[in-house]
N, C-alpha and C. Protein backbone atom coordinates (compact mmCIF):
# COMPACT_ATOMS: atom_id res chain seq x y z
N MET A 1 -79.72 41.30 1.46
CA MET A 1 -78.99 40.59 0.42
C MET A 1 -77.67 40.05 1.02
N ALA A 2 -77.37 38.82 0.74
CA ALA A 2 -76.17 38.19 1.27
C ALA A 2 -74.91 38.76 0.59
N PRO A 3 -73.81 38.84 1.34
CA PRO A 3 -72.55 39.24 0.71
C PRO A 3 -72.18 38.23 -0.39
N THR A 4 -71.57 38.71 -1.46
CA THR A 4 -71.15 37.86 -2.56
C THR A 4 -69.67 37.58 -2.43
N LEU A 5 -69.30 36.31 -2.49
CA LEU A 5 -67.89 35.91 -2.44
C LEU A 5 -67.51 35.26 -3.75
N TYR A 6 -66.56 35.86 -4.45
CA TYR A 6 -65.96 35.27 -5.65
C TYR A 6 -64.80 34.43 -5.15
N TYR A 7 -64.79 33.15 -5.51
CA TYR A 7 -63.81 32.25 -4.89
C TYR A 7 -63.43 31.09 -5.80
N VAL A 8 -62.40 30.39 -5.37
CA VAL A 8 -61.96 29.14 -5.97
C VAL A 8 -61.75 28.18 -4.80
N PRO A 9 -62.38 27.00 -4.81
CA PRO A 9 -62.30 26.10 -3.66
C PRO A 9 -60.87 25.71 -3.26
N GLY A 10 -59.97 25.62 -4.21
CA GLY A 10 -58.60 25.20 -3.89
C GLY A 10 -57.74 26.29 -3.28
N SER A 11 -58.20 27.50 -3.23
CA SER A 11 -57.43 28.62 -2.71
C SER A 11 -57.52 28.67 -1.18
N SER A 12 -56.36 28.61 -0.51
CA SER A 12 -56.41 28.66 0.96
C SER A 12 -56.95 29.99 1.48
N PRO A 13 -56.65 31.15 0.86
CA PRO A 13 -57.29 32.37 1.34
C PRO A 13 -58.82 32.33 1.19
N CYS A 14 -59.30 31.73 0.10
CA CYS A 14 -60.75 31.59 -0.08
C CYS A 14 -61.34 30.69 1.00
N ARG A 15 -60.65 29.60 1.28
CA ARG A 15 -61.14 28.68 2.30
C ARG A 15 -61.16 29.33 3.68
N ALA A 16 -60.18 30.18 3.97
CA ALA A 16 -60.17 30.89 5.26
C ALA A 16 -61.41 31.77 5.38
N VAL A 17 -61.78 32.45 4.30
CA VAL A 17 -62.99 33.28 4.31
C VAL A 17 -64.23 32.41 4.48
N LEU A 18 -64.30 31.30 3.76
CA LEU A 18 -65.44 30.39 3.88
C LEU A 18 -65.59 29.87 5.31
N LEU A 19 -64.48 29.49 5.93
CA LEU A 19 -64.53 28.98 7.30
C LEU A 19 -64.99 30.06 8.27
N THR A 20 -64.52 31.26 8.07
CA THR A 20 -64.93 32.37 8.94
C THR A 20 -66.43 32.62 8.80
N ALA A 21 -66.92 32.64 7.56
CA ALA A 21 -68.35 32.86 7.34
C ALA A 21 -69.17 31.75 8.01
N LYS A 22 -68.71 30.52 7.89
CA LYS A 22 -69.42 29.40 8.54
C LYS A 22 -69.44 29.59 10.05
N ALA A 23 -68.28 29.96 10.62
CA ALA A 23 -68.19 30.12 12.07
C ALA A 23 -69.09 31.25 12.57
N LEU A 24 -69.33 32.25 11.73
CA LEU A 24 -70.18 33.38 12.11
C LEU A 24 -71.62 33.22 11.61
N ASN A 25 -71.92 32.09 11.01
CA ASN A 25 -73.26 31.81 10.46
C ASN A 25 -73.69 32.87 9.44
N ILE A 26 -72.76 33.24 8.58
CA ILE A 26 -73.05 34.20 7.52
C ILE A 26 -73.36 33.44 6.24
N GLU A 27 -74.51 33.69 5.68
CA GLU A 27 -74.89 33.10 4.40
C GLU A 27 -74.22 33.92 3.29
N LEU A 28 -73.42 33.29 2.47
CA LEU A 28 -72.74 33.97 1.37
C LEU A 28 -73.36 33.56 0.04
N ASP A 29 -73.40 34.49 -0.89
CA ASP A 29 -73.76 34.19 -2.27
C ASP A 29 -72.45 33.82 -2.96
N LEU A 30 -72.21 32.53 -3.14
CA LEU A 30 -70.92 32.05 -3.67
C LEU A 30 -70.90 32.09 -5.19
N LYS A 31 -69.84 32.68 -5.71
CA LYS A 31 -69.63 32.74 -7.16
C LYS A 31 -68.29 32.07 -7.47
N LEU A 32 -68.38 30.87 -8.01
CA LEU A 32 -67.19 30.12 -8.40
C LEU A 32 -66.55 30.79 -9.61
N VAL A 33 -65.26 31.02 -9.54
CA VAL A 33 -64.53 31.71 -10.60
C VAL A 33 -63.63 30.72 -11.31
N ASP A 34 -63.71 30.66 -12.61
CA ASP A 34 -62.89 29.78 -13.43
C ASP A 34 -61.60 30.52 -13.84
N LEU A 35 -60.59 30.39 -13.01
CA LEU A 35 -59.32 31.07 -13.28
C LEU A 35 -58.64 30.56 -14.53
N HIS A 36 -58.79 29.28 -14.82
CA HIS A 36 -58.11 28.67 -15.97
C HIS A 36 -58.58 29.25 -17.30
N HIS A 37 -59.79 29.75 -17.34
CA HIS A 37 -60.32 30.34 -18.57
C HIS A 37 -60.41 31.86 -18.49
N GLY A 38 -59.72 32.45 -17.51
CA GLY A 38 -59.63 33.90 -17.43
C GLY A 38 -60.89 34.61 -16.98
N GLU A 39 -61.80 33.87 -16.38
CA GLU A 39 -63.06 34.48 -15.95
C GLU A 39 -62.84 35.63 -14.97
N HIS A 40 -61.79 35.54 -14.18
CA HIS A 40 -61.49 36.58 -13.18
C HIS A 40 -61.05 37.90 -13.83
N LEU A 41 -60.76 37.89 -15.11
CA LEU A 41 -60.33 39.10 -15.81
C LEU A 41 -61.50 39.91 -16.37
N LYS A 42 -62.70 39.37 -16.26
CA LYS A 42 -63.88 40.09 -16.74
C LYS A 42 -64.17 41.28 -15.82
N PRO A 43 -64.76 42.34 -16.35
CA PRO A 43 -65.00 43.55 -15.56
C PRO A 43 -65.81 43.34 -14.27
N GLU A 44 -66.75 42.41 -14.30
CA GLU A 44 -67.58 42.22 -13.10
C GLU A 44 -66.81 41.66 -11.91
N TYR A 45 -65.59 41.19 -12.14
CA TYR A 45 -64.81 40.65 -11.03
C TYR A 45 -63.95 41.71 -10.34
N LEU A 46 -64.16 42.95 -10.69
CA LEU A 46 -63.61 44.11 -10.01
C LEU A 46 -62.10 44.10 -9.83
N LYS A 47 -61.58 43.35 -8.90
CA LYS A 47 -60.15 43.38 -8.60
C LYS A 47 -59.39 42.24 -9.26
N HIS A 48 -60.07 41.41 -9.99
CA HIS A 48 -59.46 40.31 -10.76
C HIS A 48 -58.66 39.34 -9.90
N THR A 49 -59.11 39.13 -8.70
CA THR A 49 -58.43 38.20 -7.81
C THR A 49 -59.46 37.50 -6.93
N VAL A 50 -59.06 36.38 -6.38
CA VAL A 50 -59.90 35.67 -5.42
C VAL A 50 -59.10 35.49 -4.13
N PRO A 51 -59.76 35.57 -3.02
CA PRO A 51 -61.18 35.87 -2.86
C PRO A 51 -61.46 37.36 -3.05
N THR A 52 -62.65 37.66 -3.51
CA THR A 52 -63.17 39.02 -3.51
C THR A 52 -64.57 38.96 -2.91
N LEU A 53 -64.82 39.82 -1.96
CA LEU A 53 -66.12 39.91 -1.31
C LEU A 53 -66.75 41.23 -1.70
N VAL A 54 -68.03 41.19 -2.07
CA VAL A 54 -68.79 42.40 -2.35
C VAL A 54 -69.99 42.40 -1.40
N ASP A 55 -70.09 43.48 -0.62
CA ASP A 55 -71.16 43.59 0.37
C ASP A 55 -71.59 45.05 0.48
N ASP A 56 -72.84 45.30 0.22
CA ASP A 56 -73.38 46.67 0.31
C ASP A 56 -72.53 47.68 -0.46
N GLY A 57 -72.10 47.31 -1.65
CA GLY A 57 -71.32 48.22 -2.50
C GLY A 57 -69.84 48.28 -2.18
N LEU A 58 -69.40 47.60 -1.15
CA LEU A 58 -67.99 47.55 -0.78
C LEU A 58 -67.35 46.31 -1.37
N ALA A 59 -66.22 46.46 -2.05
CA ALA A 59 -65.48 45.32 -2.59
C ALA A 59 -64.15 45.19 -1.85
N LEU A 60 -63.91 44.02 -1.30
CA LEU A 60 -62.64 43.71 -0.62
C LEU A 60 -62.02 42.50 -1.29
N TRP A 61 -60.71 42.50 -1.41
CA TRP A 61 -60.07 41.41 -2.16
C TRP A 61 -58.86 40.82 -1.45
N GLU A 62 -58.71 41.01 -0.20
CA GLU A 62 -57.61 40.41 0.57
C GLU A 62 -58.25 39.63 1.70
N SER A 63 -57.87 38.35 1.85
CA SER A 63 -58.59 37.47 2.77
C SER A 63 -58.63 37.97 4.20
N ARG A 64 -57.52 38.48 4.71
CA ARG A 64 -57.52 38.95 6.11
C ARG A 64 -58.41 40.18 6.27
N ALA A 65 -58.44 41.05 5.27
CA ALA A 65 -59.34 42.20 5.32
C ALA A 65 -60.79 41.73 5.27
N ILE A 66 -61.07 40.74 4.43
CA ILE A 66 -62.42 40.20 4.32
C ILE A 66 -62.84 39.57 5.65
N ILE A 67 -61.96 38.77 6.23
CA ILE A 67 -62.26 38.10 7.50
C ILE A 67 -62.53 39.13 8.59
N SER A 68 -61.69 40.15 8.68
CA SER A 68 -61.87 41.20 9.69
C SER A 68 -63.19 41.93 9.47
N TYR A 69 -63.48 42.26 8.22
CA TYR A 69 -64.72 42.95 7.88
C TYR A 69 -65.93 42.11 8.29
N LEU A 70 -65.94 40.82 7.91
CA LEU A 70 -67.06 39.96 8.26
C LEU A 70 -67.24 39.87 9.77
N ALA A 71 -66.14 39.73 10.49
CA ALA A 71 -66.21 39.63 11.95
C ALA A 71 -66.73 40.92 12.56
N ASN A 72 -66.27 42.06 12.05
CA ASN A 72 -66.73 43.35 12.57
C ASN A 72 -68.20 43.60 12.26
N LYS A 73 -68.61 43.29 11.04
CA LYS A 73 -69.98 43.61 10.63
C LYS A 73 -71.00 42.59 11.14
N TYR A 74 -70.64 41.31 11.11
CA TYR A 74 -71.62 40.27 11.39
C TYR A 74 -71.35 39.47 12.67
N GLY A 75 -70.22 39.70 13.31
CA GLY A 75 -69.85 38.86 14.45
C GLY A 75 -69.79 39.57 15.78
N ALA A 76 -70.65 40.56 15.97
CA ALA A 76 -70.65 41.30 17.24
C ALA A 76 -70.75 40.33 18.41
N GLY A 77 -69.84 40.48 19.35
CA GLY A 77 -69.84 39.63 20.52
C GLY A 77 -69.21 38.27 20.32
N SER A 78 -68.75 37.99 19.11
CA SER A 78 -68.14 36.69 18.83
C SER A 78 -66.72 36.62 19.34
N ALA A 79 -66.33 35.46 19.85
CA ALA A 79 -64.95 35.25 20.29
C ALA A 79 -63.99 35.15 19.12
N LEU A 80 -64.53 35.04 17.91
CA LEU A 80 -63.66 34.93 16.74
C LEU A 80 -62.86 36.20 16.50
N TYR A 81 -63.41 37.33 16.88
CA TYR A 81 -62.72 38.60 16.66
C TYR A 81 -63.06 39.50 17.85
N PRO A 82 -62.34 39.32 18.94
CA PRO A 82 -62.67 39.99 20.21
C PRO A 82 -62.65 41.51 20.11
N GLU A 83 -63.46 42.13 20.96
CA GLU A 83 -63.49 43.59 21.01
C GLU A 83 -62.37 44.15 21.88
N GLU A 84 -61.92 43.40 22.87
CA GLU A 84 -60.86 43.87 23.77
C GLU A 84 -59.57 44.02 22.97
N PRO A 85 -58.89 45.17 23.05
CA PRO A 85 -57.74 45.46 22.19
C PRO A 85 -56.62 44.43 22.23
N ARG A 86 -56.24 43.95 23.39
CA ARG A 86 -55.15 42.96 23.48
C ARG A 86 -55.55 41.65 22.79
N ALA A 87 -56.74 41.19 23.09
CA ALA A 87 -57.22 39.94 22.49
C ALA A 87 -57.34 40.09 20.97
N ARG A 88 -57.81 41.26 20.51
CA ARG A 88 -57.94 41.49 19.07
C ARG A 88 -56.56 41.52 18.42
N ALA A 89 -55.59 42.16 19.04
CA ALA A 89 -54.23 42.21 18.49
C ALA A 89 -53.66 40.81 18.36
N LEU A 90 -53.87 39.98 19.36
CA LEU A 90 -53.38 38.60 19.29
C LEU A 90 -54.08 37.83 18.18
N ARG A 91 -55.36 38.09 17.98
CA ARG A 91 -56.09 37.44 16.90
C ARG A 91 -55.53 37.86 15.55
N LEU A 92 -55.18 39.13 15.40
CA LEU A 92 -54.59 39.60 14.14
C LEU A 92 -53.25 38.93 13.87
N VAL A 93 -52.47 38.68 14.93
CA VAL A 93 -51.21 37.96 14.77
C VAL A 93 -51.49 36.54 14.28
N GLU A 94 -52.52 35.91 14.84
CA GLU A 94 -52.90 34.56 14.40
C GLU A 94 -53.29 34.56 12.93
N MET A 95 -53.93 35.64 12.48
CA MET A 95 -54.40 35.71 11.10
C MET A 95 -53.27 35.92 10.10
N ALA A 96 -52.18 36.52 10.53
CA ALA A 96 -51.12 36.92 9.60
C ALA A 96 -50.67 35.81 8.66
N PRO A 97 -50.38 34.61 9.14
CA PRO A 97 -49.91 33.57 8.22
C PRO A 97 -51.03 32.75 7.61
N ALA A 98 -52.27 33.20 7.71
CA ALA A 98 -53.42 32.37 7.31
C ALA A 98 -53.34 31.88 5.88
N HIS A 99 -52.76 32.63 4.99
CA HIS A 99 -52.77 32.25 3.59
C HIS A 99 -51.46 31.58 3.14
N LEU A 100 -50.55 31.33 4.07
CA LEU A 100 -49.24 30.83 3.67
C LEU A 100 -49.19 29.33 3.47
N THR A 101 -50.08 28.58 4.10
CA THR A 101 -50.08 27.14 3.92
C THR A 101 -51.47 26.67 3.53
N HIS A 102 -51.52 25.54 2.89
CA HIS A 102 -52.81 25.03 2.43
C HIS A 102 -53.51 24.17 3.46
N SER A 103 -52.81 23.70 4.48
CA SER A 103 -53.44 22.81 5.44
C SER A 103 -53.82 23.52 6.72
N GLU A 104 -53.43 24.76 6.88
CA GLU A 104 -53.69 25.46 8.14
C GLU A 104 -54.37 26.79 7.87
N SER A 105 -55.51 26.76 7.23
CA SER A 105 -56.09 28.01 6.76
C SER A 105 -57.31 28.46 7.54
N PHE A 106 -57.38 28.18 8.84
CA PHE A 106 -58.47 28.67 9.65
C PHE A 106 -57.91 29.66 10.65
N PRO A 107 -57.93 30.96 10.31
CA PRO A 107 -57.29 31.96 11.15
C PRO A 107 -58.09 32.37 12.36
N THR A 108 -59.34 32.03 12.39
CA THR A 108 -60.20 32.55 13.44
C THR A 108 -60.41 31.52 14.53
N CYS A 109 -59.31 31.02 15.05
CA CYS A 109 -59.37 30.02 16.10
C CYS A 109 -59.49 30.69 17.46
N THR A 110 -59.69 29.89 18.49
CA THR A 110 -59.60 30.43 19.83
C THR A 110 -58.13 30.55 20.18
N ALA A 111 -57.77 31.51 21.00
CA ALA A 111 -56.37 31.72 21.35
C ALA A 111 -55.84 30.48 22.05
N LEU A 112 -54.68 30.04 21.65
CA LEU A 112 -54.07 28.86 22.22
C LEU A 112 -53.04 29.26 23.27
N PRO A 113 -52.92 28.49 24.35
CA PRO A 113 -52.02 28.87 25.43
C PRO A 113 -50.54 28.77 25.08
N LYS A 114 -50.19 28.02 24.06
CA LYS A 114 -48.80 27.89 23.66
C LYS A 114 -48.73 27.64 22.17
N ILE A 115 -47.55 27.77 21.62
CA ILE A 115 -47.37 27.50 20.19
C ILE A 115 -47.40 25.98 20.00
N ILE A 116 -48.14 25.55 18.97
CA ILE A 116 -48.26 24.13 18.70
C ILE A 116 -47.80 23.84 17.28
N SER A 117 -47.54 22.59 17.00
CA SER A 117 -47.07 22.21 15.67
C SER A 117 -48.19 22.36 14.65
N GLY A 118 -47.80 22.51 13.38
CA GLY A 118 -48.77 22.62 12.31
C GLY A 118 -49.71 21.43 12.23
N ALA A 119 -49.16 20.23 12.42
CA ALA A 119 -50.00 19.03 12.35
C ALA A 119 -51.03 19.03 13.47
N THR A 120 -50.63 19.42 14.67
CA THR A 120 -51.56 19.48 15.79
C THR A 120 -52.62 20.54 15.53
N TRP A 121 -52.19 21.68 15.03
CA TRP A 121 -53.11 22.77 14.69
C TRP A 121 -54.15 22.28 13.69
N TYR A 122 -53.69 21.60 12.67
CA TYR A 122 -54.57 21.09 11.62
C TYR A 122 -55.60 20.13 12.22
N ASP A 123 -55.16 19.24 13.11
CA ASP A 123 -56.08 18.30 13.75
C ASP A 123 -57.14 19.02 14.57
N ILE A 124 -56.74 20.07 15.29
CA ILE A 124 -57.68 20.84 16.10
C ILE A 124 -58.72 21.50 15.19
N VAL A 125 -58.25 22.10 14.12
CA VAL A 125 -59.15 22.80 13.21
C VAL A 125 -60.13 21.82 12.58
N LYS A 126 -59.65 20.67 12.13
CA LYS A 126 -60.53 19.67 11.50
C LYS A 126 -61.66 19.28 12.44
N LYS A 127 -61.36 19.19 13.72
CA LYS A 127 -62.35 18.73 14.69
C LYS A 127 -63.28 19.83 15.18
N THR A 128 -62.82 21.07 15.16
CA THR A 128 -63.58 22.13 15.83
C THR A 128 -64.15 23.22 14.92
N ALA A 129 -63.64 23.39 13.74
CA ALA A 129 -64.11 24.48 12.87
C ALA A 129 -65.49 24.16 12.30
N PRO A 130 -66.45 25.05 12.51
CA PRO A 130 -67.78 24.82 11.91
C PRO A 130 -67.69 24.73 10.39
N GLY A 131 -68.33 23.73 9.82
CA GLY A 131 -68.36 23.59 8.37
C GLY A 131 -67.02 23.26 7.75
N TYR A 132 -66.11 22.64 8.52
CA TYR A 132 -64.75 22.38 8.03
C TYR A 132 -64.75 21.63 6.71
N LYS A 133 -65.46 20.50 6.66
CA LYS A 133 -65.41 19.67 5.45
C LYS A 133 -65.89 20.44 4.23
N GLU A 134 -67.02 21.10 4.35
CA GLU A 134 -67.59 21.84 3.22
C GLU A 134 -66.70 23.03 2.83
N ALA A 135 -66.23 23.78 3.81
CA ALA A 135 -65.50 25.02 3.52
C ALA A 135 -64.02 24.83 3.25
N ASN A 136 -63.43 23.78 3.77
CA ASN A 136 -61.98 23.64 3.63
C ASN A 136 -61.53 22.32 3.02
N GLU A 137 -61.98 21.23 3.57
CA GLU A 137 -61.46 19.93 3.13
C GLU A 137 -61.75 19.66 1.66
N ASN A 138 -62.95 19.97 1.20
CA ASN A 138 -63.28 19.73 -0.20
C ASN A 138 -62.41 20.59 -1.12
N GLY A 139 -62.17 21.85 -0.73
CA GLY A 139 -61.30 22.73 -1.52
C GLY A 139 -59.87 22.26 -1.51
N LEU A 140 -59.42 21.78 -0.36
CA LEU A 140 -58.06 21.26 -0.26
C LEU A 140 -57.90 20.03 -1.15
N ASP A 141 -58.89 19.16 -1.15
CA ASP A 141 -58.85 17.99 -2.03
C ASP A 141 -58.81 18.40 -3.50
N ALA A 142 -59.58 19.44 -3.85
CA ALA A 142 -59.59 19.93 -5.24
C ALA A 142 -58.22 20.49 -5.61
N PHE A 143 -57.60 21.20 -4.70
CA PHE A 143 -56.27 21.76 -4.95
C PHE A 143 -55.24 20.64 -5.14
N LYS A 144 -55.28 19.63 -4.28
CA LYS A 144 -54.37 18.49 -4.40
C LYS A 144 -54.55 17.79 -5.75
N ALA A 145 -55.80 17.61 -6.16
CA ALA A 145 -56.08 16.96 -7.44
C ALA A 145 -55.53 17.79 -8.59
N LEU A 146 -55.67 19.10 -8.52
CA LEU A 146 -55.14 19.99 -9.55
C LEU A 146 -53.62 19.85 -9.65
N VAL A 147 -52.95 19.89 -8.51
CA VAL A 147 -51.48 19.76 -8.51
C VAL A 147 -51.06 18.40 -9.04
N ASN A 148 -51.72 17.35 -8.60
CA ASN A 148 -51.39 16.01 -9.08
C ASN A 148 -51.58 15.90 -10.58
N ASN A 149 -52.65 16.48 -11.09
CA ASN A 149 -52.93 16.46 -12.52
C ASN A 149 -51.85 17.23 -13.30
N MET A 150 -51.45 18.37 -12.77
CA MET A 150 -50.43 19.17 -13.42
C MET A 150 -49.07 18.46 -13.43
N MET A 151 -48.80 17.69 -12.40
CA MET A 151 -47.52 16.99 -12.31
C MET A 151 -47.46 15.81 -13.29
N LYS A 152 -48.61 15.31 -13.71
CA LYS A 152 -48.66 14.20 -14.66
C LYS A 152 -48.32 14.66 -16.08
N LYS A 153 -48.49 15.95 -16.34
CA LYS A 153 -48.29 16.48 -17.70
C LYS A 153 -46.82 16.70 -17.98
C-alpha cells in the first residue's frame, strides 16, 4: 500500500515532500485537503496540519521529518539522503530552511560547492528536480493565485 500524503498544492512544505517522493520514485496516495472549509480539523486528519504522511500506521506531520523518513525507508543508496555521516549532516543543513520560502522548496538537492543566490538555486531546481512542474510549479501557481485573489478583496 502506498504512503498517504494529506496535502495542499500551494504549501511549500507539501511541495518539498512531493518533490522528494518524485525524486525517489515513491508512489503516494494523495489526499487533497480543503483548509478553507476546515477539512483538516476532521478526526481522520490526525494532526490537523499539512503535510501529513501516513505509512504503515505511522503518522508524520512535519515536512523535514517526512522527507527524512521517505529517504530512509525508500531511498536506500540514494544521493538524496547520503548514508555517510558528514554528507548526511550537510544534507540536513540544506533541509533546514526548506519551508521558509515558496520558490526554493526542494531540499533534497545535490550538495553545492558554494553558496548561491536564491534565484540561481531556483533555476537549478526547475531544471533538475524530477517532476518539478507537477510537484512544485503547479502548487506555486495555485498559491500565487490564492494570494492575488485575497488581495483583490
